[in-house]
PDB file of N, CA and C in Angstrom:
ATOM      1  N   UNK A   1      22.876  69.009  22.078  1.00  0.00           N
ATOM      2  CA  UNK A   1      21.561  68.584  22.492  1.00  0.00           C
ATOM      3  C   UNK A   1      21.308  67.155  21.982  1.00  0.00           C
ATOM      4  N   UNK A   2      20.853  66.307  22.847  1.00  0.00           N
ATOM      5  CA  UNK A   2      20.636  64.912  22.484  1.00  0.00           C
ATOM      6  C   UNK A   2      19.178  64.654  22.132  1.00  0.00           C
ATOM      7  N   UNK A   3      18.997  63.820  21.149  1.00  0.00           N
ATOM      8  CA  UNK A   3      17.662  63.395  20.731  1.00  0.00           C
ATOM      9  C   UNK A   3      17.277  62.170  21.549  1.00  0.00           C
ATOM     10  N   UNK A   4      16.074  62.160  22.098  1.00  0.00           N
ATOM     11  CA  UNK A   4      15.599  61.001  22.836  1.00  0.00           C
ATOM     12  C   UNK A   4      15.247  59.902  21.853  1.00  0.00           C
ATOM     13  N   UNK A   5      15.731  58.696  22.127  1.00  0.00           N
ATOM     14  CA  UNK A   5      15.440  57.552  21.280  1.00  0.00           C
ATOM     15  C   UNK A   5      14.476  56.621  22.001  1.00  0.00           C
ATOM     16  N   UNK A   6      13.518  56.093  21.252  1.00  0.00           N
ATOM     17  CA  UNK A   6      12.511  55.203  21.821  1.00  0.00           C
ATOM     18  C   UNK A   6      12.681  53.804  21.248  1.00  0.00           C
ATOM     19  N   UNK A   7      12.673  52.816  22.104  1.00  0.00           N
ATOM     20  CA  UNK A   7      12.726  51.421  21.658  1.00  0.00           C
ATOM     21  C   UNK A   7      11.321  51.000  21.244  1.00  0.00           C
ATOM     22  N   UNK A   8      11.226  49.882  20.560  1.00  0.00           N
ATOM     23  CA  UNK A   8       9.953  49.448  19.995  1.00  0.00           C
ATOM     24  C   UNK A   8       8.808  49.338  21.005  1.00  0.00           C
ATOM     25  N   UNK A   9       9.014  48.759  22.200  1.00  0.00           N
ATOM     26  CA  UNK A   9       7.880  48.696  23.131  1.00  0.00           C
ATOM     27  C   UNK A   9       7.302  50.078  23.476  1.00  0.00           C
ATOM     28  N   UNK A  10       8.168  51.074  23.601  1.00  0.00           N
ATOM     29  CA  UNK A  10       7.707  52.438  23.893  1.00  0.00           C
ATOM     30  C   UNK A  10       6.967  53.020  22.687  1.00  0.00           C
ATOM     31  N   UNK A  11       7.479  52.752  21.493  1.00  0.00           N
ATOM     32  CA  UNK A  11       6.812  53.226  20.269  1.00  0.00           C
ATOM     33  C   UNK A  11       5.426  52.587  20.161  1.00  0.00           C
ATOM     34  N   UNK A  12       5.334  51.298  20.450  1.00  0.00           N
ATOM     35  CA  UNK A  12       4.049  50.605  20.414  1.00  0.00           C
ATOM     36  C   UNK A  12       3.085  51.209  21.429  1.00  0.00           C
ATOM     37  N   UNK A  13       3.577  51.500  22.624  1.00  0.00           N
ATOM     38  CA  UNK A  13       2.725  52.076  23.665  1.00  0.00           C
ATOM     39  C   UNK A  13       2.221  53.458  23.262  1.00  0.00           C
ATOM     40  N   UNK A  14       3.076  54.272  22.661  1.00  0.00           N
ATOM     41  CA  UNK A  14       2.675  55.638  22.284  1.00  0.00           C
ATOM     42  C   UNK A  14       1.740  55.682  21.086  1.00  0.00           C
ATOM     43  N   UNK A  15       1.946  54.746  20.151  1.00  0.00           N
ATOM     44  CA  UNK A  15       1.161  54.786  18.913  1.00  0.00           C
ATOM     45  C   UNK A  15      -0.052  53.874  18.956  1.00  0.00           C
ATOM     46  N   UNK A  16      -0.022  52.864  19.814  1.00  0.00           N
ATOM     47  CA  UNK A  16      -1.099  51.888  19.849  1.00  0.00           C
ATOM     48  C   UNK A  16      -1.027  50.878  18.713  1.00  0.00           C
ATOM     49  N   UNK A  17       0.100  50.847  18.021  1.00  0.00           N
ATOM     50  CA  UNK A  17       0.265  49.925  16.893  1.00  0.00           C
ATOM     51  C   UNK A  17       0.981  48.652  17.333  1.00  0.00           C
ATOM     52  N   UNK A  18       0.708  47.571  16.635  1.00  0.00           N
ATOM     53  CA  UNK A  18       1.408  46.317  16.913  1.00  0.00           C
ATOM     54  C   UNK A  18       2.765  46.329  16.209  1.00  0.00           C
ATOM     55  N   UNK A  19       3.613  45.398  16.605  1.00  0.00           N
ATOM     56  CA  UNK A  19       4.941  45.276  16.009  1.00  0.00           C
ATOM     57  C   UNK A  19       4.823  45.071  14.497  1.00  0.00           C
ATOM     58  N   UNK A  20       3.955  44.147  14.088  1.00  0.00           N
ATOM     59  CA  UNK A  20       3.840  43.839  12.661  1.00  0.00           C
ATOM     60  C   UNK A  20       3.309  45.029  11.863  1.00  0.00           C
ATOM     61  N   UNK A  21       2.383  45.792  12.439  1.00  0.00           N
ATOM     62  CA  UNK A  21       1.857  46.975  11.751  1.00  0.00           C
ATOM     63  C   UNK A  21       2.949  48.021  11.571  1.00  0.00           C
ATOM     64  N   UNK A  22       3.745  48.240  12.623  1.00  0.00           N
ATOM     65  CA  UNK A  22       4.849  49.211  12.528  1.00  0.00           C
ATOM     66  C   UNK A  22       5.770  48.846  11.379  1.00  0.00           C
ATOM     67  N   UNK A  23       6.212  47.584  11.312  1.00  0.00           N
ATOM     68  CA  UNK A  23       7.152  47.181  10.266  1.00  0.00           C
ATOM     69  C   UNK A  23       6.505  47.171   8.875  1.00  0.00           C
ATOM     70  N   UNK A  24       5.227  46.821   8.805  1.00  0.00           N
ATOM     71  CA  UNK A  24       4.522  46.847   7.529  1.00  0.00           C
ATOM     72  C   UNK A  24       4.409  48.283   7.016  1.00  0.00           C
ATOM     73  N   UNK A  25       3.993  49.198   7.896  1.00  0.00           N
ATOM     74  CA  UNK A  25       3.857  50.598   7.496  1.00  0.00           C
ATOM     75  C   UNK A  25       5.202  51.235   7.173  1.00  0.00           C
ATOM     76  N   UNK A  26       6.262  50.813   7.861  1.00  0.00           N
ATOM     77  CA  UNK A  26       7.605  51.319   7.530  1.00  0.00           C
ATOM     78  C   UNK A  26       7.960  50.920   6.097  1.00  0.00           C
ATOM     79  N   UNK A  27       7.668  49.666   5.755  1.00  0.00           N
ATOM     80  CA  UNK A  27       7.958  49.152   4.417  1.00  0.00           C
ATOM     81  C   UNK A  27       7.226  49.953   3.346  1.00  0.00           C
ATOM     82  N   UNK A  28       5.987  50.364   3.672  1.00  0.00           N
ATOM     83  CA  UNK A  28       5.170  51.133   2.723  1.00  0.00           C
ATOM     84  C   UNK A  28       5.452  52.628   2.769  1.00  0.00           C
ATOM     85  N   UNK A  29       6.358  53.057   3.648  1.00  0.00           N
ATOM     86  CA  UNK A  29       6.701  54.473   3.748  1.00  0.00           C
ATOM     87  C   UNK A  29       5.696  55.283   4.542  1.00  0.00           C
ATOM     88  N   UNK A  30       4.859  54.618   5.349  1.00  0.00           N
ATOM     89  CA  UNK A  30       3.824  55.314   6.109  1.00  0.00           C
ATOM     90  C   UNK A  30       4.167  55.480   7.583  1.00  0.00           C
ATOM     91  N   UNK A  31       5.379  55.095   7.965  1.00  0.00           N
ATOM     92  CA  UNK A  31       5.807  55.205   9.365  1.00  0.00           C
ATOM     93  C   UNK A  31       7.290  55.551   9.378  1.00  0.00           C
ATOM     94  N   UNK A  32       7.736  56.358  10.360  1.00  0.00           N
ATOM     95  CA  UNK A  32       9.147  56.762  10.399  1.00  0.00           C
ATOM     96  C   UNK A  32      10.113  55.576  10.458  1.00  0.00           C
ATOM     97  N   UNK A  33      11.231  55.745   9.814  1.00  0.00           N
ATOM     98  CA  UNK A  33      12.282  54.726   9.845  1.00  0.00           C
ATOM     99  C   UNK A  33      13.063  54.837  11.156  1.00  0.00           C
ATOM    100  N   UNK A  34      13.507  53.707  11.694  1.00  0.00           N
ATOM    101  CA  UNK A  34      14.292  53.748  12.933  1.00  0.00           C
ATOM    102  C   UNK A  34      15.751  54.083  12.660  1.00  0.00           C
ATOM    103  N   UNK A  35      16.465  54.365  13.733  1.00  0.00           N
ATOM    104  CA  UNK A  35      17.912  54.600  13.687  1.00  0.00           C
ATOM    105  C   UNK A  35      18.566  53.280  14.078  1.00  0.00           C
ATOM    106  N   UNK A  36      19.522  52.835  13.302  1.00  0.00           N
ATOM    107  CA  UNK A  36      20.201  51.575  13.606  1.00  0.00           C
ATOM    108  C   UNK A  36      21.277  51.833  14.661  1.00  0.00           C
ATOM    109  N   UNK A  37      21.188  51.122  15.774  1.00  0.00           N
ATOM    110  CA  UNK A  37      22.142  51.299  16.867  1.00  0.00           C
ATOM    111  C   UNK A  37      23.149  50.150  16.945  1.00  0.00           C
ATOM    112  N   UNK A  38      22.861  49.076  16.278  1.00  0.00           N
ATOM    113  CA  UNK A  38      23.732  47.903  16.271  1.00  0.00           C
ATOM    114  C   UNK A  38      23.204  46.928  15.246  1.00  0.00           C
ATOM    115  N   UNK A  39      23.789  45.737  15.217  1.00  0.00           N
ATOM    116  CA  UNK A  39      23.353  44.766  14.211  1.00  0.00           C
ATOM    117  C   UNK A  39      21.892  44.404  14.356  1.00  0.00           C
ATOM    118  N   UNK A  40      21.424  44.242  15.586  1.00  0.00           N
ATOM    119  CA  UNK A  40      20.020  43.877  15.802  1.00  0.00           C
ATOM    120  C   UNK A  40      19.316  44.844  16.737  1.00  0.00           C
ATOM    121  N   UNK A  41      19.763  46.072  16.752  1.00  0.00           N
ATOM    122  CA  UNK A  41      19.228  47.043  17.699  1.00  0.00           C
ATOM    123  C   UNK A  41      18.839  48.329  16.968  1.00  0.00           C
ATOM    124  N   UNK A  42      17.554  48.686  17.073  1.00  0.00           N
ATOM    125  CA  UNK A  42      17.078  49.932  16.461  1.00  0.00           C
ATOM    126  C   UNK A  42      16.257  50.710  17.481  1.00  0.00           C
ATOM    127  N   UNK A  43      16.111  51.992  17.223  1.00  0.00           N
ATOM    128  CA  UNK A  43      15.270  52.864  18.046  1.00  0.00           C
ATOM    129  C   UNK A  43      14.761  53.974  17.129  1.00  0.00           C
ATOM    130  N   UNK A  44      13.670  54.576  17.553  1.00  0.00           N
ATOM    131  CA  UNK A  44      13.082  55.670  16.776  1.00  0.00           C
ATOM    132  C   UNK A  44      13.324  56.986  17.493  1.00  0.00           C
ATOM    133  N   UNK A  45      13.537  58.049  16.712  1.00  0.00           N
ATOM    134  CA  UNK A  45      13.663  59.380  17.302  1.00  0.00           C
ATOM    135  C   UNK A  45      12.310  59.785  17.858  1.00  0.00           C
ATOM    136  N   UNK A  46      12.292  60.287  19.081  1.00  0.00           N
ATOM    137  CA  UNK A  46      11.042  60.725  19.696  1.00  0.00           C
ATOM    138  C   UNK A  46      10.375  61.800  18.849  1.00  0.00           C
ATOM    139  N   UNK A  47      11.177  62.691  18.281  1.00  0.00           N
ATOM    140  CA  UNK A  47      10.621  63.776  17.458  1.00  0.00           C
ATOM    141  C   UNK A  47       9.919  63.225  16.216  1.00  0.00           C
ATOM    142  N   UNK A  48      10.465  62.158  15.621  1.00  0.00           N
ATOM    143  CA  UNK A  48       9.830  61.545  14.451  1.00  0.00           C
ATOM    144  C   UNK A  48       8.479  60.940  14.815  1.00  0.00           C
ATOM    145  N   UNK A  49       8.425  60.264  15.966  1.00  0.00           N
ATOM    146  CA  UNK A  49       7.176  59.636  16.401  1.00  0.00           C
ATOM    147  C   UNK A  49       6.149  60.711  16.752  1.00  0.00           C
ATOM    148  N   UNK A  50       6.576  61.758  17.443  1.00  0.00           N
ATOM    149  CA  UNK A  50       5.660  62.852  17.791  1.00  0.00           C
ATOM    150  C   UNK A  50       5.108  63.520  16.534  1.00  0.00           C
ATOM    151  N   UNK A  51       5.975  63.770  15.554  1.00  0.00           N
ATOM    152  CA  UNK A  51       5.542  64.400  14.305  1.00  0.00           C
ATOM    153  C   UNK A  51       4.572  63.489  13.563  1.00  0.00           C
ATOM    154  N   UNK A  52       4.836  62.190  13.556  1.00  0.00           N
ATOM    155  CA  UNK A  52       3.952  61.241  12.900  1.00  0.00           C
ATOM    156  C   UNK A  52       2.580  61.237  13.576  1.00  0.00           C
ATOM    157  N   UNK A  53       2.570  61.234  14.909  1.00  0.00           N
ATOM    158  CA  UNK A  53       1.306  61.262  15.650  1.00  0.00           C
ATOM    159  C   UNK A  53       0.531  62.542  15.350  1.00  0.00           C
ATOM    160  N   UNK A  54       1.222  63.675  15.293  1.00  0.00           N
ATOM    161  CA  UNK A  54       0.573  64.954  14.965  1.00  0.00           C
ATOM    162  C   UNK A  54      -0.030  64.916  13.564  1.00  0.00           C
ATOM    163  N   UNK A  55       0.693  64.348  12.614  1.00  0.00           N
ATOM    164  CA  UNK A  55       0.183  64.285  11.236  1.00  0.00           C
ATOM    165  C   UNK A  55      -1.057  63.400  11.155  1.00  0.00           C
ATOM    166  N   UNK A  56      -1.135  62.384  12.001  1.00  0.00           N
ATOM    167  CA  UNK A  56      -2.318  61.515  12.029  1.00  0.00           C
ATOM    168  C   UNK A  56      -3.514  62.272  12.593  1.00  0.00           C
ATOM    169  N   UNK A  57      -3.275  63.127  13.579  1.00  0.00           N
ATOM    170  CA  UNK A  57      -4.351  63.927  14.169  1.00  0.00           C
ATOM    171  C   UNK A  57      -4.943  64.871  13.143  1.00  0.00           C
ATOM    172  N   UNK A  58      -4.092  65.541  12.377  1.00  0.00           N
ATOM    173  CA  UNK A  58      -4.583  66.511  11.395  1.00  0.00           C
ATOM    174  C   UNK A  58      -5.313  65.818  10.269  1.00  0.00           C
ATOM    175  N   UNK A  59      -4.894  64.620   9.886  1.00  0.00           N
ATOM    176  CA  UNK A  59      -5.584  63.865   8.843  1.00  0.00           C
ATOM    177  C   UNK A  59      -6.967  63.412   9.302  1.00  0.00           C
ATOM    178  N   UNK A  60      -7.043  63.038  10.576  1.00  0.00           N
ATOM    179  CA  UNK A  60      -8.305  62.532  11.114  1.00  0.00           C
ATOM    180  C   UNK A  60      -9.332  63.650  11.323  1.00  0.00           C
ATOM    181  N   UNK A  61      -8.857  64.866  11.501  1.00  0.00           N
ATOM    182  CA  UNK A  61      -9.765  65.990  11.789  1.00  0.00           C
ATOM    183  C   UNK A  61     -10.517  66.464  10.574  1.00  0.00           C
TER     184      UNK A  61
END
């Protein structure tokens, strides 16, 4: 079974976060780390982003 990988523009669209916010929150441990696909190529696991979004919903409620 393959995991769907999302590139940064898709992650930004799903989360509503800017590029700089994503990288800042990653540095602080508040956002999922990406998977390195090459020297300058990363993507995020869809399941990680979905889980992160769910955790934000429960915190906000």
